[in-house]
PDB file of N, CA and C in Angstrom:
ATOM      1  N   MET A   1     -20.401   4.565  21.771  1.00  0.00           N
ATOM      2  CA  MET A   1     -19.445   3.940  20.876  1.00  0.00           C
ATOM      3  C   MET A   1     -19.631   4.515  19.480  1.00  0.00           C
ATOM      4  N   ARG A   2     -18.542   4.966  18.867  1.00  0.00           N
ATOM      5  CA  ARG A   2     -18.660   5.544  17.533  1.00  0.00           C
ATOM      6  C   ARG A   2     -18.631   4.447  16.486  1.00  0.00           C
ATOM      7  N   THR A   3     -19.210   4.737  15.337  1.00  0.00           N
ATOM      8  CA  THR A   3     -19.257   3.780  14.247  1.00  0.00           C
ATOM      9  C   THR A   3     -18.242   4.165  13.186  1.00  0.00           C
ATOM     10  N   VAL A   4     -17.497   3.200  12.698  1.00  0.00           N
ATOM     11  CA  VAL A   4     -16.520   3.420  11.640  1.00  0.00           C
ATOM     12  C   VAL A   4     -17.168   2.980  10.336  1.00  0.00           C
ATOM     13  N   GLN A   5     -17.190   3.873   9.354  1.00  0.00           N
ATOM     14  CA  GLN A   5     -17.761   3.561   8.050  1.00  0.00           C
ATOM     15  C   GLN A   5     -16.631   3.329   7.056  1.00  0.00           C
ATOM     16  N   LEU A   6     -16.350   2.074   6.743  1.00  0.00           N
ATOM     17  CA  LEU A   6     -15.306   1.756   5.783  1.00  0.00           C
ATOM     18  C   LEU A   6     -15.915   1.614   4.391  1.00  0.00           C
ATOM     19  N   THR A   7     -15.186   2.109   3.386  1.00  0.00           N
ATOM     20  CA  THR A   7     -15.658   2.081   2.001  1.00  0.00           C
ATOM     21  C   THR A   7     -14.529   1.620   1.086  1.00  0.00           C
ATOM     22  N   ASP A   8     -14.819   1.567  -0.202  1.00  0.00           N
ATOM     23  CA  ASP A   8     -13.791   1.206  -1.184  1.00  0.00           C
ATOM     24  C   ASP A   8     -12.624   2.188  -1.167  1.00  0.00           C
ATOM     25  N   ASP A   9     -12.837   3.398  -0.667  1.00  0.00           N
ATOM     26  CA  ASP A   9     -11.756   4.379  -0.568  1.00  0.00           C
ATOM     27  C   ASP A   9     -10.682   3.950   0.423  1.00  0.00           C
ATOM     28  N   ASP A  10     -10.993   3.003   1.294  1.00  0.00           N
ATOM     29  CA  ASP A  10     -10.034   2.530   2.288  1.00  0.00           C
ATOM     30  C   ASP A  10      -9.139   1.414   1.761  1.00  0.00           C
ATOM     31  N   VAL A  11      -9.445   0.884   0.584  1.00  0.00           N
ATOM     32  CA  VAL A  11      -8.617  -0.163  -0.010  1.00  0.00           C
ATOM     33  C   VAL A  11      -7.232   0.411  -0.293  1.00  0.00           C
ATOM     34  N   GLY A  12      -6.210  -0.325   0.097  1.00  0.00           N
ATOM     35  CA  GLY A  12      -4.832   0.099  -0.098  1.00  0.00           C
ATOM     36  C   GLY A  12      -4.220   0.769   1.114  1.00  0.00           C
ATOM     37  N   LYS A  13      -5.024   1.066   2.121  1.00  0.00           N
ATOM     38  CA  LYS A  13      -4.496   1.700   3.325  1.00  0.00           C
ATOM     39  C   LYS A  13      -3.686   0.697   4.139  1.00  0.00           C
ATOM     40  N   THR A  14      -2.658   1.204   4.762  1.00  0.00           N
ATOM     41  CA  THR A  14      -1.839   0.407   5.659  1.00  0.00           C
ATOM     42  C   THR A  14      -2.583   0.242   6.975  1.00  0.00           C
ATOM     43  N   VAL A  15      -2.513  -0.952   7.551  1.00  0.00           N
ATOM     44  CA  VAL A  15      -3.104  -1.215   8.861  1.00  0.00           C
ATOM     45  C   VAL A  15      -1.948  -1.334   9.845  1.00  0.00           C
ATOM     46  N   VAL A  16      -2.021  -0.530  10.918  1.00  0.00           N
ATOM     47  CA  VAL A  16      -0.963  -0.552  11.931  1.00  0.00           C
ATOM     48  C   VAL A  16      -1.555  -0.900  13.287  1.00  0.00           C
ATOM     49  N   ASP A  17      -0.714  -1.482  14.139  1.00  0.00           N
ATOM     50  CA  ASP A  17      -1.175  -1.804  15.496  1.00  0.00           C
ATOM     51  C   ASP A  17      -1.090  -0.556  16.375  1.00  0.00           C
ATOM     52  N   GLY A  18      -1.417  -0.696  17.632  1.00  0.00           N
ATOM     53  CA  GLY A  18      -1.431   0.429  18.553  1.00  0.00           C
ATOM     54  C   GLY A  18      -0.086   1.103  18.731  1.00  0.00           C
ATOM     55  N   ASP A  19       1.003   0.378  18.423  1.00  0.00           N
ATOM     56  CA  ASP A  19       2.356   0.937  18.523  1.00  0.00           C
ATOM     57  C   ASP A  19       2.823   1.570  17.221  1.00  0.00           C
ATOM     58  N   GLY A  20       1.995   1.481  16.177  1.00  0.00           N
ATOM     59  CA  GLY A  20       2.363   2.055  14.884  1.00  0.00           C
ATOM     60  C   GLY A  20       3.103   1.108  13.968  1.00  0.00           C
ATOM     61  N   ASP A  21       3.217  -0.161  14.369  1.00  0.00           N
ATOM     62  CA  ASP A  21       3.897  -1.152  13.529  1.00  0.00           C
ATOM     63  C   ASP A  21       2.937  -1.678  12.468  1.00  0.00           C
ATOM     64  N   GLU A  22       3.398  -1.766  11.222  1.00  0.00           N
ATOM     65  CA  GLU A  22       2.562  -2.241  10.130  1.00  0.00           C
ATOM     66  C   GLU A  22       2.209  -3.706  10.314  1.00  0.00           C
ATOM     67  N   VAL A  23       0.913  -4.015  10.185  1.00  0.00           N
ATOM     68  CA  VAL A  23       0.464  -5.402  10.304  1.00  0.00           C
ATOM     69  C   VAL A  23      -0.169  -5.914   9.020  1.00  0.00           C
ATOM     70  N   GLY A  24      -0.428  -5.038   8.061  1.00  0.00           N
ATOM     71  CA  GLY A  24      -1.014  -5.473   6.806  1.00  0.00           C
ATOM     72  C   GLY A  24      -1.516  -4.308   5.977  1.00  0.00           C
ATOM     73  N   ILE A  25      -2.289  -4.667   4.951  1.00  0.00           N
ATOM     74  CA  ILE A  25      -2.860  -3.681   4.043  1.00  0.00           C
ATOM     75  C   ILE A  25      -4.303  -4.084   3.746  1.00  0.00           C
ATOM     76  N   VAL A  26      -5.183  -3.101   3.616  1.00  0.00           N
ATOM     77  CA  VAL A  26      -6.576  -3.386   3.276  1.00  0.00           C
ATOM     78  C   VAL A  26      -6.611  -3.793   1.806  1.00  0.00           C
ATOM     79  N   SER A  27      -6.997  -5.038   1.540  1.00  0.00           N
ATOM     80  CA  SER A  27      -7.024  -5.540   0.168  1.00  0.00           C
ATOM     81  C   SER A  27      -8.409  -5.448  -0.463  1.00  0.00           C
ATOM     82  N   ALA A  28      -9.451  -5.311   0.370  1.00  0.00           N
ATOM     83  CA  ALA A  28     -10.822  -5.191  -0.146  1.00  0.00           C
ATOM     84  C   ALA A  28     -11.737  -4.708   0.964  1.00  0.00           C
ATOM     85  N   VAL A  29     -12.852  -4.111   0.575  1.00  0.00           N
ATOM     86  CA  VAL A  29     -13.917  -3.754   1.510  1.00  0.00           C
ATOM     87  C   VAL A  29     -15.205  -4.280   0.913  1.00  0.00           C
ATOM     88  N   GLU A  30     -15.889  -5.128   1.660  1.00  0.00           N
ATOM     89  CA  GLU A  30     -17.153  -5.699   1.207  1.00  0.00           C
ATOM     90  C   GLU A  30     -18.207  -5.476   2.273  1.00  0.00           C
ATOM     91  N   HIS A  31     -19.291  -4.805   1.898  1.00  0.00           N
ATOM     92  CA  HIS A  31     -20.407  -4.538   2.801  1.00  0.00           C
ATOM     93  C   HIS A  31     -19.943  -3.866   4.091  1.00  0.00           C
ATOM     94  N   GLY A  32     -18.980  -2.944   3.979  1.00  0.00           N
ATOM     95  CA  GLY A  32     -18.503  -2.198   5.131  1.00  0.00           C
ATOM     96  C   GLY A  32     -17.441  -2.884   5.966  1.00  0.00           C
ATOM     97  N   THR A  33     -17.056  -4.097   5.589  1.00  0.00           N
ATOM     98  CA  THR A  33     -16.014  -4.824   6.315  1.00  0.00           C
ATOM     99  C   THR A  33     -14.722  -4.796   5.511  1.00  0.00           C
ATOM    100  N   ALA A  34     -13.642  -4.354   6.151  1.00  0.00           N
ATOM    101  CA  ALA A  34     -12.334  -4.347   5.502  1.00  0.00           C
ATOM    102  C   ALA A  34     -11.710  -5.727   5.628  1.00  0.00           C
ATOM    103  N   TYR A  35     -11.056  -6.157   4.565  1.00  0.00           N
ATOM    104  CA  TYR A  35     -10.308  -7.410   4.577  1.00  0.00           C
ATOM    105  C   TYR A  35      -8.826  -7.057   4.483  1.00  0.00           C
ATOM    106  N   VAL A  36      -8.056  -7.586   5.422  1.00  0.00           N
ATOM    107  CA  VAL A  36      -6.652  -7.221   5.556  1.00  0.00           C
ATOM    108  C   VAL A  36      -5.760  -8.379   5.130  1.00  0.00           C
ATOM    109  N   ASP A  37      -4.820  -8.080   4.244  1.00  0.00           N
ATOM    110  CA  ASP A  37      -3.784  -9.031   3.869  1.00  0.00           C
ATOM    111  C   ASP A  37      -2.637  -8.783   4.841  1.00  0.00           C
ATOM    112  N   PRO A  38      -2.356  -9.742   5.745  1.00  0.00           N
ATOM    113  CA  PRO A  38      -1.368  -9.514   6.791  1.00  0.00           C
ATOM    114  C   PRO A  38       0.074  -9.492   6.308  1.00  0.00           C
ATOM    115  N   ASP A  39       0.343  -9.954   5.100  1.00  0.00           N
ATOM    116  CA  ASP A  39       1.708  -9.981   4.592  1.00  0.00           C
ATOM    117  C   ASP A  39       1.675  -9.624   3.117  1.00  0.00           C
ATOM    118  N   PRO A  40       1.337  -8.367   2.816  1.00  0.00           N
ATOM    119  CA  PRO A  40       1.175  -8.011   1.414  1.00  0.00           C
ATOM    120  C   PRO A  40       2.515  -7.943   0.691  1.00  0.00           C
ATOM    121  N   GLY A  41       2.553  -8.562  -0.468  1.00  0.00           N
ATOM    122  CA  GLY A  41       3.728  -8.454  -1.319  1.00  0.00           C
ATOM    123  C   GLY A  41       3.519  -7.311  -2.298  1.00  0.00           C
ATOM    124  N   ILE A  42       4.482  -7.114  -3.144  1.00  0.00           N
ATOM    125  CA  ILE A  42       4.393  -6.028  -4.124  1.00  0.00           C
ATOM    126  C   ILE A  42       3.191  -6.226  -5.045  1.00  0.00           C
ATOM    127  N   THR A  43       2.847  -7.475  -5.352  1.00  0.00           N
ATOM    128  CA  THR A  43       1.705  -7.745  -6.221  1.00  0.00           C
ATOM    129  C   THR A  43       0.411  -7.260  -5.595  1.00  0.00           C
ATOM    130  N   THR A  44       0.185  -7.561  -4.315  1.00  0.00           N
ATOM    131  CA  THR A  44      -1.031  -7.126  -3.629  1.00  0.00           C
ATOM    132  C   THR A  44      -1.092  -5.608  -3.557  1.00  0.00           C
ATOM    133  N   LYS A  45       0.035  -4.977  -3.220  1.00  0.00           N
ATOM    134  CA  LYS A  45       0.059  -3.518  -3.130  1.00  0.00           C
ATOM    135  C   LYS A  45      -0.251  -2.890  -4.481  1.00  0.00           C
ATOM    136  N   LEU A  46       0.312  -3.428  -5.555  1.00  0.00           N
ATOM    137  CA  LEU A  46       0.066  -2.896  -6.887  1.00  0.00           C
ATOM    138  C   LEU A  46      -1.390  -3.095  -7.289  1.00  0.00           C
ATOM    139  N   LYS A  47      -1.939  -4.277  -7.022  1.00  0.00           N
ATOM    140  CA  LYS A  47      -3.339  -4.544  -7.360  1.00  0.00           C
ATOM    141  C   LYS A  47      -4.279  -3.572  -6.658  1.00  0.00           C
ATOM    142  N   THR A  48      -4.036  -3.314  -5.377  1.00  0.00           N
ATOM    143  CA  THR A  48      -4.931  -2.416  -4.654  1.00  0.00           C
ATOM    144  C   THR A  48      -4.797  -0.987  -5.161  1.00  0.00           C
ATOM    145  N   LYS A  49      -3.605  -0.560  -5.513  1.00  0.00           N
ATOM    146  CA  LYS A  49      -3.409   0.789  -6.057  1.00  0.00           C
ATOM    147  C   LYS A  49      -4.127   0.945  -7.391  1.00  0.00           C
ATOM    148  N   LEU A  50      -4.208  -0.133  -8.160  1.00  0.00           N
ATOM    149  CA  LEU A  50      -4.873  -0.098  -9.462  1.00  0.00           C
ATOM    150  C   LEU A  50      -6.372  -0.351  -9.365  1.00  0.00           C
ATOM    151  N   GLY A  51      -6.850  -0.619  -8.163  1.00  0.00           N
ATOM    152  CA  GLY A  51      -8.273  -0.869  -7.988  1.00  0.00           C
ATOM    153  C   GLY A  51      -8.688  -2.286  -8.325  1.00  0.00           C
ATOM    154  N   TRP A  52      -7.740  -3.176  -8.432  1.00  0.00           N
ATOM    155  CA  TRP A  52      -8.027  -4.575  -8.757  1.00  0.00           C
ATOM    156  C   TRP A  52      -8.168  -5.368  -7.479  1.00  0.00           C
ATOM    157  N   GLU A  53      -9.108  -4.961  -6.639  1.00  0.00           N
ATOM    158  CA  GLU A  53      -9.256  -5.599  -5.338  1.00  0.00           C
ATOM    159  C   GLU A  53      -9.915  -6.961  -5.454  1.00  0.00           C
ATOM    160  N   GLU A  54      -9.573  -7.795  -4.536  1.00  0.00           N
ATOM    161  CA  GLU A  54     -10.187  -9.111  -4.442  1.00  0.00           C
ATOM    162  C   GLU A  54      -9.975  -9.630  -3.030  1.00  0.00           C
ATOM    163  N   THR A  55     -10.888 -10.453  -2.588  1.00  0.00           N
ATOM    164  CA  THR A  55     -10.739 -11.093  -1.290  1.00  0.00           C
ATOM    165  C   THR A  55     -10.292 -12.519  -1.550  1.00  0.00           C
ATOM    166  N   ASP A  56      -9.220 -12.914  -0.906  1.00  0.00           N
ATOM    167  CA  ASP A  56      -8.741 -14.281  -1.083  1.00  0.00           C
ATOM    168  C   ASP A  56      -8.560 -14.943   0.272  1.00  0.00           C
ATOM    169  N   ASP A  57      -8.023 -16.141   0.254  1.00  0.00           N
ATOM    170  CA  ASP A  57      -7.861 -16.903   1.485  1.00  0.00           C
ATOM    171  C   ASP A  57      -6.855 -16.280   2.448  1.00  0.00           C
ATOM    172  N   ASP A  58      -6.018 -15.381   1.944  1.00  0.00           N
ATOM    173  CA  ASP A  58      -4.997 -14.771   2.788  1.00  0.00           C
ATOM    174  C   ASP A  58      -5.450 -13.464   3.427  1.00  0.00           C
ATOM    175  N   ALA A  59      -6.672 -13.022   3.131  1.00  0.00           N
ATOM    176  CA  ALA A  59      -7.197 -11.773   3.692  1.00  0.00           C
ATOM    177  C   ALA A  59      -8.159 -12.098   4.824  1.00  0.00           C
ATOM    178  N   TYR A  60      -8.078 -11.306   5.877  1.00  0.00           N
ATOM    179  CA  TYR A  60      -8.882 -11.553   7.068  1.00  0.00           C
ATOM    180  C   TYR A  60      -9.784 -10.361   7.354  1.00  0.00           C
ATOM    181  N   PRO A  61     -11.027 -10.617   7.775  1.00  0.00           N
ATOM    182  CA  PRO A  61     -11.937  -9.502   8.071  1.00  0.00           C
ATOM    183  C   PRO A  61     -11.461  -8.737   9.298  1.00  0.00           C
ATOM    184  N   LEU A  62     -11.564  -7.424   9.211  1.00  0.00           N
ATOM    185  CA  LEU A  62     -11.179  -6.552  10.304  1.00  0.00           C
ATOM    186  C   LEU A  62     -12.438  -6.147  11.046  1.00  0.00           C
ATOM    187  N   GLN A  63     -12.538  -6.544  12.289  1.00  0.00           N
ATOM    188  CA  GLN A  63     -13.709  -6.239  13.098  1.00  0.00           C
ATOM    189  C   GLN A  63     -13.726  -4.753  13.445  1.00  0.00           C
ATOM    190  N   GLU A  64     -14.879  -4.130  13.321  1.00  0.00           N
ATOM    191  CA  GLU A  64     -15.031  -2.702  13.589  1.00  0.00           C
ATOM    192  C   GLU A  64     -14.546  -2.327  14.994  1.00  0.00           C
ATOM    193  N   ARG A  65     -14.809  -3.183  15.968  1.00  0.00           N
ATOM    194  CA  ARG A  65     -14.427  -2.886  17.353  1.00  0.00           C
ATOM    195  C   ARG A  65     -12.917  -2.833  17.545  1.00  0.00           C
ATOM    196  N   ALA A  66     -12.152  -3.353  16.600  1.00  0.00           N
ATOM    197  CA  ALA A  66     -10.693  -3.358  16.709  1.00  0.00           C
ATOM    198  C   ALA A  66     -10.059  -2.061  16.201  1.00  0.00           C
ATOM    199  N   ILE A  67     -10.836  -1.212  15.533  1.00  0.00           N
ATOM    200  CA  ILE A  67     -10.303  -0.004  14.907  1.00  0.00           C
ATOM    201  C   ILE A  67     -10.317   1.168  15.883  1.00  0.00           C
ATOM    202  N   GLU A  68      -9.169   1.798  16.022  1.00  0.00           N
ATOM    203  CA  GLU A  68      -9.046   3.003  16.841  1.00  0.00           C
ATOM    204  C   GLU A  68      -9.335   4.247  15.992  1.00  0.00           C
ATOM    205  N   THR A  69      -8.596   4.396  14.879  1.00  0.00           N
ATOM    206  CA  THR A  69      -8.783   5.549  14.005  1.00  0.00           C
ATOM    207  C   THR A  69      -8.582   5.161  12.550  1.00  0.00           C
ATOM    208  N   VAL A  70      -9.150   5.988  11.667  1.00  0.00           N
ATOM    209  CA  VAL A  70      -8.965   5.848  10.225  1.00  0.00           C
ATOM    210  C   VAL A  70      -8.524   7.209   9.710  1.00  0.00           C
ATOM    211  N   SER A  71      -7.361   7.250   9.049  1.00  0.00           N
ATOM    212  CA  SER A  71      -6.873   8.497   8.482  1.00  0.00           C
ATOM    213  C   SER A  71      -6.813   8.366   6.965  1.00  0.00           C
ATOM    214  N   ASP A  72      -6.213   9.339   6.307  1.00  0.00           N
ATOM    215  CA  ASP A  72      -6.140   9.319   4.852  1.00  0.00           C
ATOM    216  C   ASP A  72      -5.320   8.159   4.298  1.00  0.00           C
ATOM    217  N   ASP A  73      -4.345   7.681   5.071  1.00  0.00           N
ATOM    218  CA  ASP A  73      -3.465   6.651   4.536  1.00  0.00           C
ATOM    219  C   ASP A  73      -3.302   5.405   5.407  1.00  0.00           C
ATOM    220  N   ARG A  74      -3.958   5.392   6.576  1.00  0.00           N
ATOM    221  CA  ARG A  74      -3.798   4.206   7.432  1.00  0.00           C
ATOM    222  C   ARG A  74      -4.982   3.991   8.361  1.00  0.00           C
ATOM    223  N   ILE A  75      -5.063   2.760   8.823  1.00  0.00           N
ATOM    224  CA  ILE A  75      -6.045   2.381   9.839  1.00  0.00           C
ATOM    225  C   ILE A  75      -5.257   1.925  11.055  1.00  0.00           C
ATOM    226  N   ARG A  76      -5.500   2.566  12.192  1.00  0.00           N
ATOM    227  CA  ARG A  76      -4.799   2.210  13.431  1.00  0.00           C
ATOM    228  C   ARG A  76      -5.713   1.348  14.287  1.00  0.00           C
ATOM    229  N   LEU A  77      -5.170   0.218  14.735  1.00  0.00           N
ATOM    230  CA  LEU A  77      -5.902  -0.692  15.599  1.00  0.00           C
ATOM    231  C   LEU A  77      -5.806  -0.249  17.058  1.00  0.00           C
ATOM    232  N   ARG A  78      -6.797  -0.619  17.825  1.00  0.00           N
ATOM    233  CA  ARG A  78      -6.793  -0.312  19.261  1.00  0.00           C
ATOM    234  C   ARG A  78      -5.658  -1.074  19.929  1.00  0.00           C
ATOM    235  N   SER A  79      -5.039  -0.458  20.901  1.00  0.00           N
ATOM    236  CA  SER A  79      -3.920  -1.091  21.594  1.00  0.00           C
ATOM    237  C   SER A  79      -4.380  -1.956  22.771  1.00  0.00           C
ATOM    238  N   ASP A  80      -5.650  -1.860  23.138  1.00  0.00           N
ATOM    239  CA  ASP A  80      -6.131  -2.596  24.314  1.00  0.00           C
ATOM    240  C   ASP A  80      -6.768  -3.936  23.961  1.00  0.00           C
ATOM    241  N   LEU A  81      -6.526  -4.422  22.776  1.00  0.00           N
ATOM    242  CA  LEU A  81      -7.113  -5.716  22.390  1.00  0.00           C
ATOM    243  C   LEU A  81      -6.175  -6.847  22.660  1.00  0.00           C
TER     244      LEU A  81
END
């Protein structure tokens, strides 16, 4: 099993499901865990682009086992979950 190393560089990336449909945006990374805002508005997107990350009640931790791939602009979730 490969290990995914998530960092602050992943903040702002789009999270897509196995079919490529957008499910959210990475709003923060804390201790290697990405937190995903499942319904990001323009405010959240702007904050993440400016580096004003924060974890709030609307962000959910993304389990490493759920990640299929990480590219320059998105995180793709496994389709078999």
